Amino acid sequence: MLENCLYRAKSTRLQCSKVLVPRELTTRVAQEALQLSLNEPCGLRGCIIYVNVECNNKQVALDTIVYDCTVDPTFELKLVLKQDTQGWDYVRDLLINRTCFPSLFRSILKLSPKFQLTKRRLYFSVIGAGNEDC
């Protein structure tokens, strides 16, 4: 799901031809999302994920991922992927962005292995009440 989101966003929201994703980044995001869903009434099925990328200290909203559209959402996750600002690629992009044609040269977005995943519940817990809708 996350890979598809990045694929769709690269030419529209991100305006680049390639997105380089560090090894195991999507696996780590999935593991953390699963961990955050353990105490939820519907588990991961009740999750909505808002995917953002932080580039040059600005967040760009990429997409919304709904794990199971047949279940009313019980919590939201906000995922912020970060641009890798280490190394020559980032410096090159900064220099190119100061040219007359920056959009023609920006072709690769390299993501950092770091990310931020925050959770927000969409319900209030009542002791003894169960959710049979899941």
N, C-alpha and C. Protein backbone atom coordinates (compact mmCIF):
# COMPACT_ATOMS: atom_id res chain seq x y z
N MET A 1 0.81 -1.20 0.00
CA MET A 1 0.00 0.00 0.00
C MET A 1 0.86 1.27 0.00
N LEU A 2 1.89 1.28 0.87
CA LEU A 2 2.76 2.45 0.94
C LEU A 2 3.56 2.62 -0.35
N GLU A 3 4.03 1.51 -0.89
CA GLU A 3 4.79 1.59 -2.15
C GLU A 3 3.92 2.16 -3.27
N ASN A 4 2.66 1.72 -3.33
CA ASN A 4 1.75 2.24 -4.35
C ASN A 4 1.49 3.73 -4.17
N CYS A 5 1.38 4.16 -2.92
CA CYS A 5 1.18 5.58 -2.61
C CYS A 5 2.36 6.40 -3.13
N LEU A 6 3.58 5.95 -2.86
CA LEU A 6 4.77 6.67 -3.32
C LEU A 6 4.87 6.66 -4.84
N TYR A 7 4.51 5.54 -5.44
CA TYR A 7 4.55 5.44 -6.91
C TYR A 7 3.60 6.45 -7.55
N ARG A 8 2.38 6.53 -7.02
CA ARG A 8 1.39 7.47 -7.58
C ARG A 8 1.80 8.92 -7.35
N ALA A 9 2.43 9.20 -6.21
CA ALA A 9 2.75 10.58 -5.84
C ALA A 9 4.00 11.13 -6.52
N LYS A 10 4.86 10.27 -7.03
CA LYS A 10 6.15 10.77 -7.53
C LYS A 10 6.00 11.74 -8.69
N SER A 11 5.09 11.51 -9.59
CA SER A 11 4.95 12.42 -10.72
C SER A 11 3.92 13.52 -10.48
N THR A 12 3.08 13.37 -9.47
CA THR A 12 2.05 14.38 -9.21
C THR A 12 2.47 15.31 -8.07
N ARG A 13 2.41 14.82 -6.87
CA ARG A 13 2.70 15.66 -5.70
C ARG A 13 4.19 15.95 -5.51
N LEU A 14 5.02 14.96 -5.77
CA LEU A 14 6.46 15.12 -5.53
C LEU A 14 7.20 15.68 -6.73
N GLN A 15 6.65 15.57 -7.90
CA GLN A 15 7.23 16.09 -9.14
C GLN A 15 8.66 15.61 -9.34
N CYS A 16 8.82 14.30 -9.29
CA CYS A 16 10.13 13.71 -9.56
C CYS A 16 9.93 12.42 -10.34
N SER A 17 11.00 11.93 -10.92
CA SER A 17 10.88 10.71 -11.72
C SER A 17 11.18 9.45 -10.91
N LYS A 18 11.92 9.60 -9.81
CA LYS A 18 12.27 8.45 -8.98
C LYS A 18 12.18 8.82 -7.51
N VAL A 19 11.76 7.86 -6.71
CA VAL A 19 11.80 7.97 -5.26
C VAL A 19 12.65 6.80 -4.77
N LEU A 20 13.76 7.12 -4.12
CA LEU A 20 14.63 6.08 -3.57
C LEU A 20 14.24 5.83 -2.12
N VAL A 21 13.83 4.59 -1.85
CA VAL A 21 13.35 4.21 -0.52
C VAL A 21 14.41 3.33 0.13
N PRO A 22 14.87 3.69 1.33
CA PRO A 22 15.88 2.87 2.01
C PRO A 22 15.37 1.44 2.27
N ARG A 23 16.30 0.53 2.25
CA ARG A 23 15.98 -0.87 2.53
C ARG A 23 15.30 -0.97 3.90
N GLU A 24 14.26 -1.74 3.97
CA GLU A 24 13.53 -2.03 5.20
C GLU A 24 12.68 -0.87 5.73
N LEU A 25 12.64 0.27 5.06
CA LEU A 25 11.83 1.39 5.56
C LEU A 25 10.35 1.01 5.60
N THR A 26 9.83 0.47 4.52
CA THR A 26 8.41 0.12 4.50
C THR A 26 8.09 -0.99 5.50
N THR A 27 9.02 -1.90 5.71
CA THR A 27 8.82 -2.96 6.71
C THR A 27 8.77 -2.38 8.11
N ARG A 28 9.66 -1.45 8.41
CA ARG A 28 9.67 -0.82 9.74
C ARG A 28 8.41 0.00 9.98
N VAL A 29 7.94 0.71 8.95
CA VAL A 29 6.70 1.48 9.07
C VAL A 29 5.54 0.52 9.35
N ALA A 30 5.47 -0.58 8.61
CA ALA A 30 4.39 -1.56 8.79
C ALA A 30 4.43 -2.17 10.19
N GLN A 31 5.62 -2.50 10.68
CA GLN A 31 5.75 -3.08 12.02
C GLN A 31 5.28 -2.11 13.09
N GLU A 32 5.66 -0.83 12.95
CA GLU A 32 5.25 0.16 13.95
C GLU A 32 3.75 0.42 13.88
N ALA A 33 3.18 0.46 12.67
CA ALA A 33 1.73 0.64 12.52
C ALA A 33 0.99 -0.53 13.16
N LEU A 34 1.48 -1.73 12.95
CA LEU A 34 0.87 -2.91 13.56
C LEU A 34 0.95 -2.84 15.08
N GLN A 35 2.08 -2.41 15.60
CA GLN A 35 2.26 -2.27 17.05
C GLN A 35 1.27 -1.26 17.62
N LEU A 36 1.09 -0.13 16.93
CA LEU A 36 0.17 0.91 17.41
C LEU A 36 -1.29 0.48 17.31
N SER A 37 -1.59 -0.53 16.52
CA SER A 37 -2.97 -0.98 16.35
C SER A 37 -3.36 -2.10 17.31
N LEU A 38 -2.42 -2.62 18.08
CA LEU A 38 -2.69 -3.78 18.93
C LEU A 38 -3.81 -3.54 19.94
N ASN A 39 -3.90 -2.37 20.53
CA ASN A 39 -4.90 -2.08 21.55
C ASN A 39 -6.16 -1.46 20.99
N GLU A 40 -6.31 -1.45 19.70
CA GLU A 40 -7.49 -0.86 19.07
C GLU A 40 -8.60 -1.89 18.93
N PRO A 41 -9.86 -1.46 19.03
CA PRO A 41 -10.97 -2.42 18.97
C PRO A 41 -11.03 -3.21 17.66
N CYS A 42 -10.68 -2.60 16.55
CA CYS A 42 -10.71 -3.29 15.25
C CYS A 42 -9.32 -3.60 14.73
N GLY A 43 -8.31 -3.33 15.54
CA GLY A 43 -6.94 -3.56 15.09
C GLY A 43 -6.59 -2.70 13.89
N LEU A 44 -5.78 -3.24 13.03
CA LEU A 44 -5.33 -2.50 11.85
C LEU A 44 -6.47 -2.22 10.87
N ARG A 45 -7.53 -3.02 10.94
CA ARG A 45 -8.66 -2.81 10.03
C ARG A 45 -9.34 -1.47 10.26
N GLY A 46 -9.23 -0.91 11.46
CA GLY A 46 -9.86 0.37 11.78
C GLY A 46 -8.93 1.56 11.61
N CYS A 47 -7.93 1.42 10.78
CA CYS A 47 -6.88 2.44 10.66
C CYS A 47 -7.00 3.25 9.37
N ILE A 48 -6.74 4.55 9.50
CA ILE A 48 -6.54 5.43 8.35
C ILE A 48 -5.13 5.99 8.49
N ILE A 49 -4.35 5.94 7.42
CA ILE A 49 -2.98 6.45 7.45
C ILE A 49 -2.87 7.64 6.50
N TYR A 50 -2.45 8.77 7.05
CA TYR A 50 -2.18 9.96 6.23
C TYR A 50 -0.68 9.97 5.96
N VAL A 51 -0.31 9.89 4.69
CA VAL A 51 1.10 9.80 4.30
C VAL A 51 1.59 11.17 3.85
N ASN A 52 2.67 11.64 4.47
CA ASN A 52 3.29 12.92 4.15
C ASN A 52 4.79 12.72 3.93
N VAL A 53 5.37 13.62 3.17
CA VAL A 53 6.83 13.64 3.01
C VAL A 53 7.31 15.03 3.40
N GLU A 54 8.36 15.07 4.19
CA GLU A 54 8.95 16.35 4.60
C GLU A 54 10.16 16.63 3.72
N CYS A 55 10.05 17.68 2.91
CA CYS A 55 11.14 18.11 2.02
C CYS A 55 11.42 19.58 2.29
N ASN A 56 12.66 19.91 2.53
CA ASN A 56 13.06 21.30 2.76
C ASN A 56 12.20 21.95 3.85
N ASN A 57 12.00 21.24 4.95
CA ASN A 57 11.24 21.71 6.11
C ASN A 57 9.78 22.01 5.82
N LYS A 58 9.24 21.46 4.74
CA LYS A 58 7.82 21.59 4.41
C LYS A 58 7.24 20.19 4.26
N GLN A 59 6.03 20.01 4.78
CA GLN A 59 5.36 18.72 4.61
C GLN A 59 4.44 18.75 3.41
N VAL A 60 4.55 17.71 2.60
CA VAL A 60 3.71 17.55 1.42
C VAL A 60 2.80 16.35 1.67
N ALA A 61 1.48 16.57 1.63
CA ALA A 61 0.53 15.48 1.81
C ALA A 61 0.49 14.66 0.53
N LEU A 62 0.74 13.36 0.65
CA LEU A 62 0.78 12.49 -0.53
C LEU A 62 -0.54 11.77 -0.77
N ASP A 63 -1.04 11.11 0.25
CA ASP A 63 -2.23 10.29 0.05
C ASP A 63 -2.79 9.85 1.40
N THR A 64 -3.96 9.26 1.35
CA THR A 64 -4.59 8.67 2.52
C THR A 64 -4.79 7.19 2.22
N ILE A 65 -4.34 6.36 3.15
CA ILE A 65 -4.48 4.92 2.99
C ILE A 65 -5.52 4.43 3.99
N VAL A 66 -6.54 3.77 3.49
CA VAL A 66 -7.56 3.15 4.34
C VAL A 66 -7.35 1.65 4.24
N TYR A 67 -7.04 1.03 5.36
CA TYR A 67 -6.71 -0.39 5.33
C TYR A 67 -7.91 -1.25 4.96
N ASP A 68 -9.06 -0.98 5.57
CA ASP A 68 -10.27 -1.74 5.27
C ASP A 68 -11.45 -0.77 5.21
N CYS A 69 -11.93 -0.48 4.03
CA CYS A 69 -12.99 0.53 3.87
C CYS A 69 -14.35 0.03 4.34
N THR A 70 -14.47 -1.25 4.70
CA THR A 70 -15.75 -1.76 5.21
C THR A 70 -15.90 -1.56 6.71
N VAL A 71 -14.83 -1.10 7.37
CA VAL A 71 -14.84 -0.89 8.82
C VAL A 71 -14.75 0.60 9.11
N ASP A 72 -15.61 1.07 10.03
CA ASP A 72 -15.51 2.47 10.45
C ASP A 72 -14.17 2.68 11.13
N PRO A 73 -13.46 3.74 10.77
CA PRO A 73 -12.14 3.97 11.36
C PRO A 73 -12.23 4.26 12.86
N THR A 74 -11.30 3.69 13.61
CA THR A 74 -11.24 3.92 15.05
C THR A 74 -10.00 4.72 15.44
N PHE A 75 -9.02 4.80 14.54
CA PHE A 75 -7.84 5.62 14.83
C PHE A 75 -7.16 6.03 13.54
N GLU A 76 -6.37 7.10 13.65
CA GLU A 76 -5.61 7.64 12.52
C GLU A 76 -4.13 7.56 12.84
N LEU A 77 -3.35 7.30 11.82
CA LEU A 77 -1.90 7.39 11.92
C LEU A 77 -1.44 8.45 10.93
N LYS A 78 -0.55 9.30 11.39
CA LYS A 78 0.05 10.28 10.49
C LYS A 78 1.51 9.86 10.30
N LEU A 79 1.84 9.51 9.07
CA LEU A 79 3.19 9.08 8.71
C LEU A 79 3.90 10.23 8.02
N VAL A 80 5.05 10.60 8.55
CA VAL A 80 5.88 11.62 7.92
C VAL A 80 7.20 10.97 7.53
N LEU A 81 7.37 10.79 6.23
CA LEU A 81 8.64 10.32 5.69
C LEU A 81 9.53 11.53 5.49
N LYS A 82 10.81 11.35 5.63
CA LYS A 82 11.72 12.50 5.58
C LYS A 82 12.69 12.37 4.41
N GLN A 83 12.99 13.51 3.81
CA GLN A 83 13.98 13.55 2.74
C GLN A 83 15.36 13.34 3.35
N ASP A 84 16.19 12.56 2.68
CA ASP A 84 17.56 12.35 3.14
C ASP A 84 18.37 13.59 2.81
N THR A 85 18.84 14.27 3.83
CA THR A 85 19.60 15.51 3.63
C THR A 85 21.09 15.29 3.80
N GLN A 86 21.52 14.04 3.83
CA GLN A 86 22.93 13.72 3.95
C GLN A 86 23.50 13.42 2.56
N GLY A 87 24.70 13.83 2.32
CA GLY A 87 25.37 13.44 1.08
C GLY A 87 25.21 14.41 -0.07
N TRP A 88 25.82 14.02 -1.17
CA TRP A 88 25.93 14.86 -2.35
C TRP A 88 24.58 15.11 -3.01
N ASP A 89 23.69 14.14 -3.01
CA ASP A 89 22.40 14.29 -3.69
C ASP A 89 21.64 15.51 -3.20
N TYR A 90 21.61 15.70 -1.89
CA TYR A 90 20.87 16.82 -1.32
C TYR A 90 21.54 18.15 -1.69
N VAL A 91 22.87 18.22 -1.59
CA VAL A 91 23.59 19.45 -1.94
C VAL A 91 23.40 19.77 -3.42
N ARG A 92 23.46 18.76 -4.27
CA ARG A 92 23.25 18.95 -5.71
C ARG A 92 21.86 19.54 -5.97
N ASP A 93 20.84 19.01 -5.30
CA ASP A 93 19.48 19.52 -5.50
C ASP A 93 19.35 20.97 -5.04
N LEU A 94 20.03 21.32 -3.95
CA LEU A 94 19.99 22.71 -3.48
C LEU A 94 20.60 23.64 -4.52
N LEU A 95 21.72 23.22 -5.11
CA LEU A 95 22.37 24.05 -6.13
C LEU A 95 21.52 24.14 -7.39
N ILE A 96 20.94 23.04 -7.81
CA ILE A 96 20.12 23.03 -9.02
C ILE A 96 18.86 23.86 -8.84
N ASN A 97 18.29 23.87 -7.65
CA ASN A 97 17.07 24.64 -7.41
C ASN A 97 17.29 26.14 -7.56
N ARG A 98 18.52 26.57 -7.58
CA ARG A 98 18.81 27.99 -7.74
C ARG A 98 19.05 28.35 -9.20
N THR A 99 18.92 27.38 -10.10
CA THR A 99 19.09 27.65 -11.53
C THR A 99 17.78 28.14 -12.13
N CYS A 100 17.81 28.46 -13.40
CA CYS A 100 16.61 28.96 -14.10
C CYS A 100 15.56 27.88 -14.31
N PHE A 101 15.99 26.62 -14.36
CA PHE A 101 15.06 25.54 -14.67
C PHE A 101 15.11 24.44 -13.60
N PRO A 102 14.79 24.75 -12.36
CA PRO A 102 14.94 23.74 -11.31
C PRO A 102 14.04 22.53 -11.51
N SER A 103 12.84 22.72 -12.05
CA SER A 103 11.92 21.59 -12.18
C SER A 103 12.39 20.58 -13.23
N LEU A 104 13.21 21.03 -14.19
CA LEU A 104 13.70 20.11 -15.20
C LEU A 104 14.76 19.16 -14.66
N PHE A 105 15.46 19.58 -13.60
CA PHE A 105 16.58 18.80 -13.10
C PHE A 105 16.23 17.94 -11.88
N ARG A 106 15.16 18.29 -11.20
CA ARG A 106 14.82 17.53 -10.01
C ARG A 106 14.18 16.22 -10.44
N SER A 107 14.94 15.17 -10.40
CA SER A 107 14.42 13.91 -10.89
C SER A 107 14.39 12.81 -9.84
N ILE A 108 15.16 12.97 -8.76
CA ILE A 108 15.26 11.90 -7.77
C ILE A 108 15.02 12.47 -6.38
N LEU A 109 14.13 11.81 -5.63
CA LEU A 109 13.92 12.13 -4.22
C LEU A 109 14.41 10.94 -3.42
N LYS A 110 15.38 11.17 -2.57
CA LYS A 110 15.94 10.10 -1.74
C LYS A 110 15.37 10.25 -0.33
N LEU A 111 14.70 9.21 0.15
CA LEU A 111 14.11 9.25 1.48
C LEU A 111 15.11 8.80 2.53
N SER A 112 14.98 9.37 3.70
CA SER A 112 15.81 9.01 4.84
C SER A 112 15.25 7.75 5.49
N PRO A 113 16.08 6.99 6.19
CA PRO A 113 15.55 5.85 6.94
C PRO A 113 14.70 6.29 8.14
N LYS A 114 14.77 7.57 8.48
CA LYS A 114 14.00 8.09 9.62
C LYS A 114 12.59 8.44 9.17
N PHE A 115 11.64 8.22 10.07
CA PHE A 115 10.26 8.60 9.82
C PHE A 115 9.58 8.88 11.15
N GLN A 116 8.42 9.50 11.08
CA GLN A 116 7.65 9.79 12.29
C GLN A 116 6.25 9.23 12.08
N LEU A 117 5.76 8.48 13.05
CA LEU A 117 4.42 7.90 12.98
C LEU A 117 3.69 8.26 14.26
N THR A 118 2.63 9.05 14.15
CA THR A 118 1.87 9.47 15.33
C THR A 118 0.45 8.95 15.23
N LYS A 119 -0.13 8.68 16.39
CA LYS A 119 -1.46 8.07 16.46
C LYS A 119 -2.45 9.02 17.10
N ARG A 120 -3.68 8.99 16.57
CA ARG A 120 -4.78 9.76 17.16
C ARG A 120 -6.02 8.87 17.17
N ARG A 121 -6.58 8.68 18.35
CA ARG A 121 -7.79 7.87 18.47
C ARG A 121 -9.00 8.67 18.03
N LEU A 122 -9.97 7.99 17.44
CA LEU A 122 -11.18 8.63 16.96
C LEU A 122 -12.40 8.27 17.81
N TYR A 123 -12.16 7.71 19.00
CA TYR A 123 -13.26 7.30 19.87
C TYR A 123 -12.83 7.47 21.32
N PHE A 124 -13.80 7.38 22.21
CA PHE A 124 -13.53 7.38 23.63
C PHE A 124 -13.86 5.99 24.16
N SER A 125 -12.98 5.44 24.93
CA SER A 125 -13.15 4.09 25.45
C SER A 125 -14.16 4.08 26.60
N VAL A 126 -15.09 3.12 26.56
CA VAL A 126 -16.04 2.92 27.65
C VAL A 126 -15.80 1.51 28.18
N ILE A 127 -15.57 1.40 29.48
CA ILE A 127 -15.26 0.11 30.08
C ILE A 127 -16.45 -0.83 29.92
N GLY A 128 -16.18 -2.04 29.46
CA GLY A 128 -17.22 -3.05 29.32
C GLY A 128 -17.95 -3.00 27.99
N ALA A 129 -17.76 -1.96 27.21
CA ALA A 129 -18.44 -1.87 25.91
C ALA A 129 -17.57 -2.52 24.85
N GLY A 130 -18.17 -3.38 24.07
CA GLY A 130 -17.44 -4.04 22.99
C GLY A 130 -17.89 -3.50 21.65
N ASN A 131 -17.07 -3.67 20.66
CA ASN A 131 -17.41 -3.21 19.32
C ASN A 131 -17.60 -4.44 18.44
N GLU A 132 -18.86 -4.76 18.14
CA GLU A 132 -19.16 -5.94 17.34
C GLU A 132 -19.07 -5.66 15.84
N ASP A 133 -18.77 -4.45 15.43
CA ASP A 133 -18.73 -4.11 14.01
C ASP A 133 -17.45 -4.57 13.32
N CYS A 134 -16.48 -5.04 14.06
CA CYS A 134 -15.19 -5.38 13.47
C CYS A 134 -15.14 -6.80 12.98
